[in-house]
PDB file of N, CA and C in Angstrom:
ATOM      1  N   MET A   1     -22.754   1.254   3.566  1.00  0.00           N
ATOM      2  CA  MET A   1     -21.649   1.265   2.623  1.00  0.00           C
ATOM      3  C   MET A   1     -22.051   0.420   1.419  1.00  0.00           C
ATOM      4  N   GLY A   2     -21.766   0.935   0.254  1.00  0.00           N
ATOM      5  CA  GLY A   2     -22.100   0.208  -0.963  1.00  0.00           C
ATOM      6  C   GLY A   2     -21.130  -0.934  -1.217  1.00  0.00           C
ATOM      7  N   ASP A   3     -21.468  -1.707  -2.245  1.00  0.00           N
ATOM      8  CA  ASP A   3     -20.611  -2.839  -2.606  1.00  0.00           C
ATOM      9  C   ASP A   3     -19.193  -2.391  -2.941  1.00  0.00           C
ATOM     10  N   LYS A   4     -19.100  -1.242  -3.618  1.00  0.00           N
ATOM     11  CA  LYS A   4     -17.779  -0.744  -3.985  1.00  0.00           C
ATOM     12  C   LYS A   4     -16.951  -0.445  -2.738  1.00  0.00           C
ATOM     13  N   GLY A   5     -17.561   0.179  -1.753  1.00  0.00           N
ATOM     14  CA  GLY A   5     -16.865   0.495  -0.513  1.00  0.00           C
ATOM     15  C   GLY A   5     -16.434  -0.753   0.219  1.00  0.00           C
ATOM     16  N   LYS A   6     -17.305  -1.761   0.257  1.00  0.00           N
ATOM     17  CA  LYS A   6     -16.966  -3.026   0.918  1.00  0.00           C
ATOM     18  C   LYS A   6     -15.790  -3.703   0.217  1.00  0.00           C
ATOM     19  N   GLN A   7     -15.815  -3.691  -1.101  1.00  0.00           N
ATOM     20  CA  GLN A   7     -14.716  -4.306  -1.860  1.00  0.00           C
ATOM     21  C   GLN A   7     -13.412  -3.562  -1.618  1.00  0.00           C
ATOM     22  N   LEU A   8     -13.491  -2.232  -1.569  1.00  0.00           N
ATOM     23  CA  LEU A   8     -12.290  -1.440  -1.309  1.00  0.00           C
ATOM     24  C   LEU A   8     -11.720  -1.741   0.068  1.00  0.00           C
ATOM     25  N   ARG A   9     -12.583  -1.887   1.069  1.00  0.00           N
ATOM     26  CA  ARG A   9     -12.112  -2.187   2.421  1.00  0.00           C
ATOM     27  C   ARG A   9     -11.453  -3.568   2.481  1.00  0.00           C
ATOM     28  N   LYS A  10     -12.066  -4.557   1.819  1.00  0.00           N
ATOM     29  CA  LYS A  10     -11.472  -5.897   1.789  1.00  0.00           C
ATOM     30  C   LYS A  10     -10.111  -5.861   1.101  1.00  0.00           C
ATOM     31  N   ALA A  11     -10.059  -5.158  -0.017  1.00  0.00           N
ATOM     32  CA  ALA A  11      -8.796  -5.045  -0.754  1.00  0.00           C
ATOM     33  C   ALA A  11      -7.748  -4.340   0.099  1.00  0.00           C
ATOM     34  N   ALA A  12      -8.160  -3.301   0.803  1.00  0.00           N
ATOM     35  CA  ALA A  12      -7.222  -2.547   1.637  1.00  0.00           C
ATOM     36  C   ALA A  12      -6.647  -3.417   2.743  1.00  0.00           C
ATOM     37  N   LEU A  13      -7.451  -4.282   3.324  1.00  0.00           N
ATOM     38  CA  LEU A  13      -6.944  -5.180   4.370  1.00  0.00           C
ATOM     39  C   LEU A  13      -5.885  -6.124   3.814  1.00  0.00           C
ATOM     40  N   GLU A  14      -6.127  -6.640   2.630  1.00  0.00           N
ATOM     41  CA  GLU A  14      -5.146  -7.526   1.995  1.00  0.00           C
ATOM     42  C   GLU A  14      -3.869  -6.757   1.656  1.00  0.00           C
ATOM     43  N   ILE A  15      -4.052  -5.570   1.117  1.00  0.00           N
ATOM     44  CA  ILE A  15      -2.896  -4.743   0.739  1.00  0.00           C
ATOM     45  C   ILE A  15      -2.103  -4.340   1.975  1.00  0.00           C
ATOM     46  N   GLU A  16      -2.804  -4.014   3.057  1.00  0.00           N
ATOM     47  CA  GLU A  16      -2.133  -3.608   4.291  1.00  0.00           C
ATOM     48  C   GLU A  16      -1.178  -4.695   4.784  1.00  0.00           C
ATOM     49  N   ALA A  17      -1.636  -5.944   4.743  1.00  0.00           N
ATOM     50  CA  ALA A  17      -0.783  -7.055   5.161  1.00  0.00           C
ATOM     51  C   ALA A  17       0.438  -7.175   4.246  1.00  0.00           C
ATOM     52  N   CYS A  18       0.228  -6.998   2.974  1.00  0.00           N
ATOM     53  CA  CYS A  18       1.343  -7.074   2.014  1.00  0.00           C
ATOM     54  C   CYS A  18       2.313  -5.919   2.197  1.00  0.00           C
ATOM     55  N   VAL A  19       1.789  -4.729   2.411  1.00  0.00           N
ATOM     56  CA  VAL A  19       2.641  -3.551   2.569  1.00  0.00           C
ATOM     57  C   VAL A  19       3.550  -3.715   3.785  1.00  0.00           C
ATOM     58  N   ALA A  20       3.036  -4.305   4.852  1.00  0.00           N
ATOM     59  CA  ALA A  20       3.871  -4.521   6.038  1.00  0.00           C
ATOM     60  C   ALA A  20       5.063  -5.413   5.704  1.00  0.00           C
ATOM     61  N   LYS A  21       4.825  -6.458   4.948  1.00  0.00           N
ATOM     62  CA  LYS A  21       5.917  -7.352   4.549  1.00  0.00           C
ATOM     63  C   LYS A  21       6.860  -6.657   3.572  1.00  0.00           C
ATOM     64  N   LEU A  22       6.298  -5.870   2.668  1.00  0.00           N
ATOM     65  CA  LEU A  22       7.126  -5.162   1.692  1.00  0.00           C
ATOM     66  C   LEU A  22       8.009  -4.114   2.368  1.00  0.00           C
ATOM     67  N   LYS A  23       7.512  -3.475   3.413  1.00  0.00           N
ATOM     68  CA  LYS A  23       8.329  -2.502   4.150  1.00  0.00           C
ATOM     69  C   LYS A  23       9.558  -3.182   4.750  1.00  0.00           C
ATOM     70  N   LYS A  24       9.353  -4.373   5.293  1.00  0.00           N
ATOM     71  CA  LYS A  24      10.487  -5.126   5.851  1.00  0.00           C
ATOM     72  C   LYS A  24      11.480  -5.484   4.748  1.00  0.00           C
ATOM     73  N   ALA A  25      10.958  -5.928   3.619  1.00  0.00           N
ATOM     74  CA  ALA A  25      11.827  -6.295   2.496  1.00  0.00           C
ATOM     75  C   ALA A  25      12.586  -5.077   1.993  1.00  0.00           C
ATOM     76  N   LYS A  26      11.899  -3.937   1.893  1.00  0.00           N
ATOM     77  CA  LYS A  26      12.550  -2.712   1.421  1.00  0.00           C
ATOM     78  C   LYS A  26      13.680  -2.320   2.369  1.00  0.00           C
ATOM     79  N   ALA A  27      13.449  -2.415   3.663  1.00  0.00           N
ATOM     80  CA  ALA A  27      14.485  -2.071   4.642  1.00  0.00           C
ATOM     81  C   ALA A  27      15.704  -2.973   4.477  1.00  0.00           C
ATOM     82  N   LEU A  28      15.463  -4.245   4.259  1.00  0.00           N
ATOM     83  CA  LEU A  28      16.575  -5.183   4.057  1.00  0.00           C
ATOM     84  C   LEU A  28      17.340  -4.873   2.775  1.00  0.00           C
ATOM     85  N   LEU A  29      16.618  -4.528   1.721  1.00  0.00           N
ATOM     86  CA  LEU A  29      17.277  -4.179   0.459  1.00  0.00           C
ATOM     87  C   LEU A  29      18.130  -2.926   0.620  1.00  0.00           C
ATOM     88  N   LEU A  30      17.577  -1.935   1.304  1.00  0.00           N
ATOM     89  CA  LEU A  30      18.332  -0.698   1.502  1.00  0.00           C
ATOM     90  C   LEU A  30      19.541  -0.929   2.401  1.00  0.00           C
ATOM     91  N   GLU A  31      19.394  -1.820   3.344  1.00  0.00           N
ATOM     92  CA  GLU A  31      20.504  -2.158   4.227  1.00  0.00           C
ATOM     93  C   GLU A  31      21.634  -2.841   3.456  1.00  0.00           C
ATOM     94  N   ALA A  32      21.269  -3.616   2.447  1.00  0.00           N
ATOM     95  CA  ALA A  32      22.271  -4.300   1.622  1.00  0.00           C
ATOM     96  C   ALA A  32      23.076  -3.307   0.790  1.00  0.00           C
ATOM     97  N   ARG A  33      22.518  -2.135   0.544  1.00  0.00           N
ATOM     98  CA  ARG A  33      23.198  -1.045  -0.171  1.00  0.00           C
ATOM     99  C   ARG A  33      23.769  -1.462  -1.531  1.00  0.00           C
ATOM    100  N   SER A  34      22.999  -2.207  -2.250  1.00  0.00           N
ATOM    101  CA  SER A  34      23.426  -2.604  -3.590  1.00  0.00           C
ATOM    102  C   SER A  34      22.682  -1.750  -4.615  1.00  0.00           C
ATOM    103  N   ASP A  35      23.424  -1.230  -5.570  1.00  0.00           N
ATOM    104  CA  ASP A  35      22.799  -0.414  -6.614  1.00  0.00           C
ATOM    105  C   ASP A  35      21.734  -1.185  -7.386  1.00  0.00           C
ATOM    106  N   GLN A  36      21.900  -2.478  -7.463  1.00  0.00           N
ATOM    107  CA  GLN A  36      20.934  -3.308  -8.189  1.00  0.00           C
ATOM    108  C   GLN A  36      19.586  -3.355  -7.482  1.00  0.00           C
ATOM    109  N   HIS A  37      19.558  -3.138  -6.179  1.00  0.00           N
ATOM    110  CA  HIS A  37      18.323  -3.257  -5.416  1.00  0.00           C
ATOM    111  C   HIS A  37      17.562  -1.945  -5.273  1.00  0.00           C
ATOM    112  N   ILE A  38      18.204  -0.831  -5.599  1.00  0.00           N
ATOM    113  CA  ILE A  38      17.572   0.482  -5.434  1.00  0.00           C
ATOM    114  C   ILE A  38      16.284   0.597  -6.255  1.00  0.00           C
ATOM    115  N   PRO A  39      16.255   0.195  -7.536  1.00  0.00           N
ATOM    116  CA  PRO A  39      14.989   0.297  -8.284  1.00  0.00           C
ATOM    117  C   PRO A  39      13.846  -0.495  -7.640  1.00  0.00           C
ATOM    118  N   LEU A  40      14.158  -1.633  -7.090  1.00  0.00           N
ATOM    119  CA  LEU A  40      13.133  -2.432  -6.422  1.00  0.00           C
ATOM    120  C   LEU A  40      12.649  -1.727  -5.157  1.00  0.00           C
ATOM    121  N   ALA A  41      13.568  -1.151  -4.401  1.00  0.00           N
ATOM    122  CA  ALA A  41      13.183  -0.414  -3.197  1.00  0.00           C
ATOM    123  C   ALA A  41      12.289   0.773  -3.552  1.00  0.00           C
ATOM    124  N   ILE A  42      12.578   1.432  -4.662  1.00  0.00           N
ATOM    125  CA  ILE A  42      11.750   2.550  -5.116  1.00  0.00           C
ATOM    126  C   ILE A  42      10.359   2.057  -5.513  1.00  0.00           C
ATOM    127  N   THR A  43      10.291   0.939  -6.189  1.00  0.00           N
ATOM    128  CA  THR A  43       9.003   0.356  -6.557  1.00  0.00           C
ATOM    129  C   THR A  43       8.188   0.021  -5.312  1.00  0.00           C
ATOM    130  N   LEU A  44       8.837  -0.532  -4.306  1.00  0.00           N
ATOM    131  CA  LEU A  44       8.139  -0.857  -3.060  1.00  0.00           C
ATOM    132  C   LEU A  44       7.622   0.414  -2.389  1.00  0.00           C
ATOM    133  N   ALA A  45       8.411   1.470  -2.422  1.00  0.00           N
ATOM    134  CA  ALA A  45       7.963   2.744  -1.853  1.00  0.00           C
ATOM    135  C   ALA A  45       6.754   3.278  -2.620  1.00  0.00           C
ATOM    136  N   ASN A  46       6.741   3.102  -3.929  1.00  0.00           N
ATOM    137  CA  ASN A  46       5.594   3.532  -4.731  1.00  0.00           C
ATOM    138  C   ASN A  46       4.336   2.743  -4.378  1.00  0.00           C
ATOM    139  N   LEU A  47       4.498   1.463  -4.094  1.00  0.00           N
ATOM    140  CA  LEU A  47       3.354   0.651  -3.662  1.00  0.00           C
ATOM    141  C   LEU A  47       2.814   1.141  -2.319  1.00  0.00           C
ATOM    142  N   GLU A  48       3.715   1.501  -1.419  1.00  0.00           N
ATOM    143  CA  GLU A  48       3.290   2.048  -0.130  1.00  0.00           C
ATOM    144  C   GLU A  48       2.497   3.346  -0.345  1.00  0.00           C
ATOM    145  N   GLU A  49       2.982   4.178  -1.241  1.00  0.00           N
ATOM    146  CA  GLU A  49       2.297   5.442  -1.524  1.00  0.00           C
ATOM    147  C   GLU A  49       0.920   5.184  -2.127  1.00  0.00           C
ATOM    148  N   SER A  50       0.822   4.218  -3.018  1.00  0.00           N
ATOM    149  CA  SER A  50      -0.470   3.882  -3.620  1.00  0.00           C
ATOM    150  C   SER A  50      -1.467   3.424  -2.561  1.00  0.00           C
ATOM    151  N   TYR A  51      -0.995   2.654  -1.596  1.00  0.00           N
ATOM    152  CA  TYR A  51      -1.855   2.224  -0.496  1.00  0.00           C
ATOM    153  C   TYR A  51      -2.337   3.434   0.301  1.00  0.00           C
ATOM    154  N   GLY A  52      -1.458   4.381   0.528  1.00  0.00           N
ATOM    155  CA  GLY A  52      -1.842   5.605   1.232  1.00  0.00           C
ATOM    156  C   GLY A  52      -2.924   6.366   0.489  1.00  0.00           C
ATOM    157  N   ILE A  53      -2.830   6.391  -0.824  1.00  0.00           N
ATOM    158  CA  ILE A  53      -3.845   7.057  -1.641  1.00  0.00           C
ATOM    159  C   ILE A  53      -5.176   6.324  -1.530  1.00  0.00           C
ATOM    160  N   LEU A  54      -5.129   5.002  -1.555  1.00  0.00           N
ATOM    161  CA  LEU A  54      -6.350   4.210  -1.417  1.00  0.00           C
ATOM    162  C   LEU A  54      -7.064   4.525  -0.111  1.00  0.00           C
ATOM    163  N   CYS A  55      -6.306   4.725   0.943  1.00  0.00           N
ATOM    164  CA  CYS A  55      -6.878   4.959   2.272  1.00  0.00           C
ATOM    165  C   CYS A  55      -7.107   6.437   2.583  1.00  0.00           C
ATOM    166  N   ASP A  56      -6.874   7.302   1.621  1.00  0.00           N
ATOM    167  CA  ASP A  56      -7.065   8.746   1.812  1.00  0.00           C
ATOM    168  C   ASP A  56      -8.520   9.111   1.509  1.00  0.00           C
ATOM    169  N   PRO A  57      -9.223   9.719   2.471  1.00  0.00           N
ATOM    170  CA  PRO A  57     -10.637  10.040   2.253  1.00  0.00           C
ATOM    171  C   PRO A  57     -10.869  11.033   1.121  1.00  0.00           C
ATOM    172  N   VAL A  58      -9.889  11.851   0.811  1.00  0.00           N
ATOM    173  CA  VAL A  58     -10.046  12.809  -0.286  1.00  0.00           C
ATOM    174  C   VAL A  58      -9.935  12.099  -1.635  1.00  0.00           C
ATOM    175  N   CYS A  59      -9.010  11.167  -1.738  1.00  0.00           N
ATOM    176  CA  CYS A  59      -8.770  10.468  -3.005  1.00  0.00           C
ATOM    177  C   CYS A  59      -9.768   9.334  -3.252  1.00  0.00           C
ATOM    178  N   THR A  60     -10.194   8.675  -2.185  1.00  0.00           N
ATOM    179  CA  THR A  60     -11.093   7.529  -2.319  1.00  0.00           C
ATOM    180  C   THR A  60     -12.215   7.653  -1.282  1.00  0.00           C
ATOM    181  N   PRO A  61     -13.148   8.593  -1.491  1.00  0.00           N
ATOM    182  CA  PRO A  61     -14.204   8.806  -0.497  1.00  0.00           C
ATOM    183  C   PRO A  61     -15.108   7.594  -0.281  1.00  0.00           C
ATOM    184  N   GLU A  62     -15.294   6.785  -1.297  1.00  0.00           N
ATOM    185  CA  GLU A  62     -16.175   5.614  -1.147  1.00  0.00           C
ATOM    186  C   GLU A  62     -15.620   4.608  -0.138  1.00  0.00           C
ATOM    187  N   PHE A  63     -14.328   4.681   0.118  1.00  0.00           N
ATOM    188  CA  PHE A  63     -13.694   3.813   1.113  1.00  0.00           C
ATOM    189  C   PHE A  63     -14.258   4.106   2.495  1.00  0.00           C
ATOM    190  N   PHE A  64     -14.684   5.351   2.709  1.00  0.00           N
ATOM    191  CA  PHE A  64     -15.133   5.787   4.008  1.00  0.00           C
ATOM    192  C   PHE A  64     -16.646   5.921   4.128  1.00  0.00           C
ATOM    193  N   GLU A  65     -17.376   5.481   3.102  1.00  0.00           N
ATOM    194  CA  GLU A  65     -18.835   5.538   3.146  1.00  0.00           C
ATOM    195  C   GLU A  65     -19.351   4.638   4.255  1.00  0.00           C
ATOM    196  N   ARG A  66     -20.419   5.070   4.882  1.00  0.00           N
ATOM    197  CA  ARG A  66     -21.088   4.272   5.896  1.00  0.00           C
ATOM    198  C   ARG A  66     -22.348   3.677   5.312  1.00  0.00           C
ATOM    199  N   GLU A  67     -22.798   2.579   5.890  1.00  0.00           N
ATOM    200  CA  GLU A  67     -24.020   1.929   5.406  1.00  0.00           C
ATOM    201  C   GLU A  67     -25.212   2.805   5.728  1.00  0.00           C
TER     202      GLU A  67
END
C-alpha cells in the first residue's frame, strides 16, 4: 500500500470513531424534535455519507490497495 493509502486508512480510523459519536448525537437531536436541530442532524448525516464514500472501493480505490 502506498503512502496515500496508509494516510487514508489512518484518517478513516479517526473518522470512524468520530462518526460513531456523531451518530449518537444525531439520534439525541432527532429525539429532541426541535426544528432548530434538524439542520445539524442533516449535516451529521452528510458526514456519515462522506465517510461511506471514503470507505467505498469504487470511489476511493487507493484505500484498498495492498502493499
